[in-house]
């Protein structure tokens, strides 16, 4: 597939670009692309998705800290899919799914998310999505050098504690999820779909 990758020089994009090419995709300019991938920053992502919609391209977006509702209407009008996932690491998606199941039996929960000090949004998109799925939970955000992306969900009741944790030690963890998203993008309905879990069987 011919792809335009916004954020190619960023922390995720610098890993993702070569991985996409290794998987057989071709990185091209917007006017030549069949789909758009964005891993940039919250202040520019809407502009990028809007440009893709105007060009008739579906989008895969991993940038967090923005409101995907801003592009839902235009994408629906053009009949284009926009997949926004707060986390493309398949292990992180499974962590959210398991936490949602566990919260049915252990409703007292708190979330601790840890990221590199350069991450612009806090709490993270993954933590906010997890909190929504388990019916609300207090989120504790940590920003320190040396971290990549880590989250644990602590579920407690009298006499016991269940901890569900995911650690991404490098940004290569996001590559399989992005490849899956591109493979299934054509199966999604027009408008914004939130979460990679919609693509997992």
Protein backbone atom coordinates (compact mmCIF):
# COMPACT_ATOMS: atom_id res chain seq x y z
CA UNK A 1 0.00 0.00 0.00
CA UNK A 2 1.21 3.53 -0.74
CA UNK A 3 1.23 5.46 2.55
CA UNK A 4 1.90 8.98 3.69
CA UNK A 5 3.44 8.87 7.17
CA UNK A 6 3.18 12.05 9.21
CA UNK A 7 5.74 12.07 12.03
CA UNK A 8 8.31 10.06 10.12
CA UNK A 9 11.16 11.74 11.98
CA UNK A 10 9.61 11.34 15.44
CA UNK A 11 10.26 8.73 18.09
CA UNK A 12 7.58 6.33 16.83
CA UNK A 13 7.77 7.36 13.18
CA UNK A 14 11.51 6.74 12.95
CA UNK A 15 10.89 3.13 13.94
CA UNK A 16 7.61 2.74 12.09
CA UNK A 17 8.77 4.07 8.72
CA UNK A 18 11.42 1.39 8.05
CA UNK A 19 9.10 -1.29 9.47
CA UNK A 20 6.32 -0.30 7.07
CA UNK A 21 8.73 -0.48 4.14
CA UNK A 22 10.04 -3.86 5.30
CA UNK A 23 6.43 -5.09 5.39
CA UNK A 24 6.02 -4.10 1.73
CA UNK A 25 4.40 -0.68 2.03
CA UNK A 26 5.70 2.32 0.09
CA UNK A 27 6.07 5.72 1.77
CA UNK A 28 4.97 8.51 -0.56
CA UNK A 29 3.64 12.08 -0.51
CA UNK A 30 0.02 12.87 0.30
CA UNK A 31 -1.03 13.24 -3.34
CA UNK A 32 0.23 9.74 -4.24
CA UNK A 33 -0.99 7.85 -1.16
CA UNK A 34 -3.75 5.31 -0.62
CA UNK A 35 -3.88 5.85 3.17
CA UNK A 36 -2.44 8.12 5.85
CA UNK A 37 -0.67 7.22 9.11
CA UNK A 38 -0.12 9.84 11.82
CA UNK A 39 2.16 9.69 14.86
CA UNK A 40 2.82 13.37 15.48
CA UNK A 41 1.50 15.79 18.13
CA UNK A 42 -1.96 16.81 19.36
CA UNK A 43 -1.71 20.34 17.97
CA UNK A 44 -1.22 19.21 14.36
CA UNK A 45 -3.02 15.87 14.08
CA UNK A 46 -6.45 17.33 13.17
CA UNK A 47 -4.82 19.27 10.33
CA UNK A 48 -3.21 16.06 9.04
CA UNK A 49 -6.38 13.97 9.25
CA UNK A 50 -8.38 16.75 7.59
CA UNK A 51 -5.84 16.90 4.76
CA UNK A 52 -6.14 13.13 4.33
CA UNK A 53 -9.95 13.34 4.26
CA UNK A 54 -9.79 16.14 1.68
CA UNK A 55 -7.50 13.90 -0.40
CA UNK A 56 -9.92 10.97 -0.11
CA UNK A 57 -7.66 8.87 2.12
CA UNK A 58 -8.55 6.69 5.12
CA UNK A 59 -6.36 7.25 8.18
CA UNK A 60 -4.65 5.37 10.99
CA UNK A 61 -3.84 7.66 13.92
CA UNK A 62 -1.73 6.91 16.99
CA UNK A 63 -1.32 10.48 18.24
CA UNK A 64 -3.02 11.05 21.60
CA UNK A 65 -4.24 14.15 23.42
CA UNK A 66 -6.75 15.36 20.80
CA UNK A 67 -10.49 15.03 20.18
CA UNK A 68 -11.19 12.59 17.30
CA UNK A 69 -14.77 13.84 17.27
CA UNK A 70 -13.49 16.86 15.34
CA UNK A 71 -12.94 14.75 12.23
CA UNK A 72 -15.76 12.22 12.60
CA UNK A 73 -18.36 14.22 10.67
CA UNK A 74 -16.14 15.08 7.70
CA UNK A 75 -14.91 11.47 7.49
CA UNK A 76 -18.49 10.16 7.48
CA UNK A 77 -19.48 12.66 4.81
CA UNK A 78 -16.61 11.49 2.58
CA UNK A 79 -17.23 7.80 3.39
CA UNK A 80 -13.73 7.37 4.83
CA UNK A 81 -12.55 5.37 7.84
CA UNK A 82 -10.37 6.93 10.53
CA UNK A 83 -8.96 4.46 13.05
CA UNK A 84 -7.72 6.20 16.18
CA UNK A 85 -6.04 4.01 18.80
CA UNK A 86 -4.57 5.40 22.01
CA UNK A 87 -2.18 2.44 21.95
CA UNK A 88 -1.08 0.21 19.08
CA UNK A 89 0.78 -2.32 21.26
CA UNK A 90 -1.36 -5.46 21.11
CA UNK A 91 -0.29 -6.36 24.66
CA UNK A 92 -1.62 -3.01 25.90
CA UNK A 93 -4.95 -3.62 24.17
CA UNK A 94 -5.18 -7.01 25.85
CA UNK A 95 -4.32 -5.37 29.19
CA UNK A 96 -7.33 -3.04 28.78
CA UNK A 97 -9.58 -5.94 27.84
CA UNK A 98 -8.47 -8.01 30.84
CA UNK A 99 -8.87 -5.02 33.18
CA UNK A 100 -12.41 -4.49 31.95
CA UNK A 101 -13.25 -8.13 32.67
CA UNK A 102 -11.59 -8.07 36.09
CA UNK A 103 -13.38 -4.86 37.12
CA UNK A 104 -16.70 -6.73 37.00
CA UNK A 105 -15.54 -8.66 40.06
CA UNK A 106 -13.06 -6.22 41.62
CA UNK A 107 -14.63 -2.78 41.14
CA UNK A 108 -12.10 -0.81 43.23
CA UNK A 109 -9.35 0.13 40.79
CA UNK A 110 -6.60 2.66 40.21
CA UNK A 111 -4.29 3.14 37.24
CA UNK A 112 -0.61 4.04 37.25
CA UNK A 113 0.85 5.03 33.91
CA UNK A 114 4.52 5.82 33.35
CA UNK A 115 6.03 7.45 30.27
CA UNK A 116 9.12 9.31 29.16
CA UNK A 117 9.32 12.90 30.38
CA UNK A 118 8.97 14.10 26.78
CA UNK A 119 5.39 12.81 26.46
CA UNK A 120 3.19 15.87 26.10
CA UNK A 121 -0.16 14.64 27.42
CA UNK A 122 -0.95 13.39 30.91
CA UNK A 123 -2.74 11.22 31.68
CA UNK A 124 -2.00 9.14 28.63
CA UNK A 125 -4.64 8.21 26.10
CA UNK A 126 -4.26 4.56 27.10
CA UNK A 127 -4.90 5.36 30.77
CA UNK A 128 -7.98 7.44 29.95
CA UNK A 129 -9.34 4.70 27.67
CA UNK A 130 -8.73 2.09 30.38
CA UNK A 131 -10.49 4.21 33.00
CA UNK A 132 -13.52 4.57 30.72
CA UNK A 133 -13.66 0.84 30.10
CA UNK A 134 -13.56 -0.10 33.78
CA UNK A 135 -16.13 2.45 34.85
CA UNK A 136 -13.82 5.19 36.03
CA UNK A 137 -10.65 4.97 38.08
CA UNK A 138 -8.16 7.42 39.49
CA UNK A 139 -5.12 7.79 37.26
CA UNK A 140 -1.60 8.48 38.51
CA UNK A 141 0.80 9.79 35.84
CA UNK A 142 4.58 9.52 36.07
CA UNK A 143 6.96 11.25 33.65
CA UNK A 144 10.63 10.34 34.03
CA UNK A 145 13.65 9.88 31.76
CA UNK A 146 14.46 6.29 30.84
CA UNK A 147 10.83 5.22 30.48
CA UNK A 148 9.04 4.35 27.24
CA UNK A 149 5.41 3.36 27.94
CA UNK A 150 4.20 1.41 30.96
CA UNK A 151 0.85 0.98 32.65
CA UNK A 152 -0.54 -1.07 35.48
CA UNK A 153 -4.12 -1.45 36.63
CA UNK A 154 -4.47 -2.23 40.34
CA UNK A 155 -7.75 -3.89 41.31
CA UNK A 156 -8.31 -4.51 45.00
CA UNK A 157 -10.82 -5.93 47.42
CA UNK A 158 -10.63 -7.18 50.98
CA UNK A 159 -7.53 -9.33 51.39
CA UNK A 160 -6.40 -9.33 47.76
CA UNK A 161 -4.89 -7.30 44.95
CA UNK A 162 -4.85 -8.06 41.23
CA UNK A 163 -2.28 -6.22 39.12
CA UNK A 164 -2.46 -6.20 35.33
CA UNK A 165 0.60 -4.58 33.78
CA UNK A 166 1.96 -3.90 30.32
CA UNK A 167 5.43 -2.62 29.50
CA UNK A 168 6.61 -1.36 26.13
CA UNK A 169 10.40 -1.31 26.25
CA UNK A 170 10.80 0.02 22.70
CA UNK A 171 8.55 1.61 20.12
CA UNK A 172 8.83 -1.51 17.98
CA UNK A 173 5.95 -2.77 20.15
CA UNK A 174 3.57 -0.59 18.12
CA UNK A 175 4.50 -1.94 14.69
CA UNK A 176 2.34 -5.12 14.63
CA UNK A 177 -0.72 -3.12 15.67
CA UNK A 178 -0.21 -0.52 12.94
CA UNK A 179 0.26 -3.26 10.33
CA UNK A 180 -2.95 -4.92 11.53
CA UNK A 181 -4.78 -1.60 11.32
CA UNK A 182 -3.66 -1.04 7.74
CA UNK A 183 -4.63 -4.57 6.77
CA UNK A 184 -8.16 -4.16 8.19
CA UNK A 185 -8.72 -0.46 7.46
CA UNK A 186 -10.95 -1.20 4.48
CA UNK A 187 -13.33 -3.21 6.71
CA UNK A 188 -14.14 -0.29 9.02
CA UNK A 189 -17.24 1.88 8.64
CA UNK A 190 -16.99 5.55 7.63
CA UNK A 191 -16.11 7.92 10.46
CA UNK A 192 -13.92 7.47 13.51
CA UNK A 193 -13.39 4.06 15.07
CA UNK A 194 -11.65 4.23 18.44
CA UNK A 195 -9.38 1.45 19.65
CA UNK A 196 -7.37 -1.35 18.12
CA UNK A 197 -9.53 -3.87 20.01
CA UNK A 198 -12.20 -3.50 17.32
CA UNK A 199 -9.81 -5.37 14.99
CA UNK A 200 -8.93 -8.21 17.35
CA UNK A 201 -10.95 -11.42 17.16
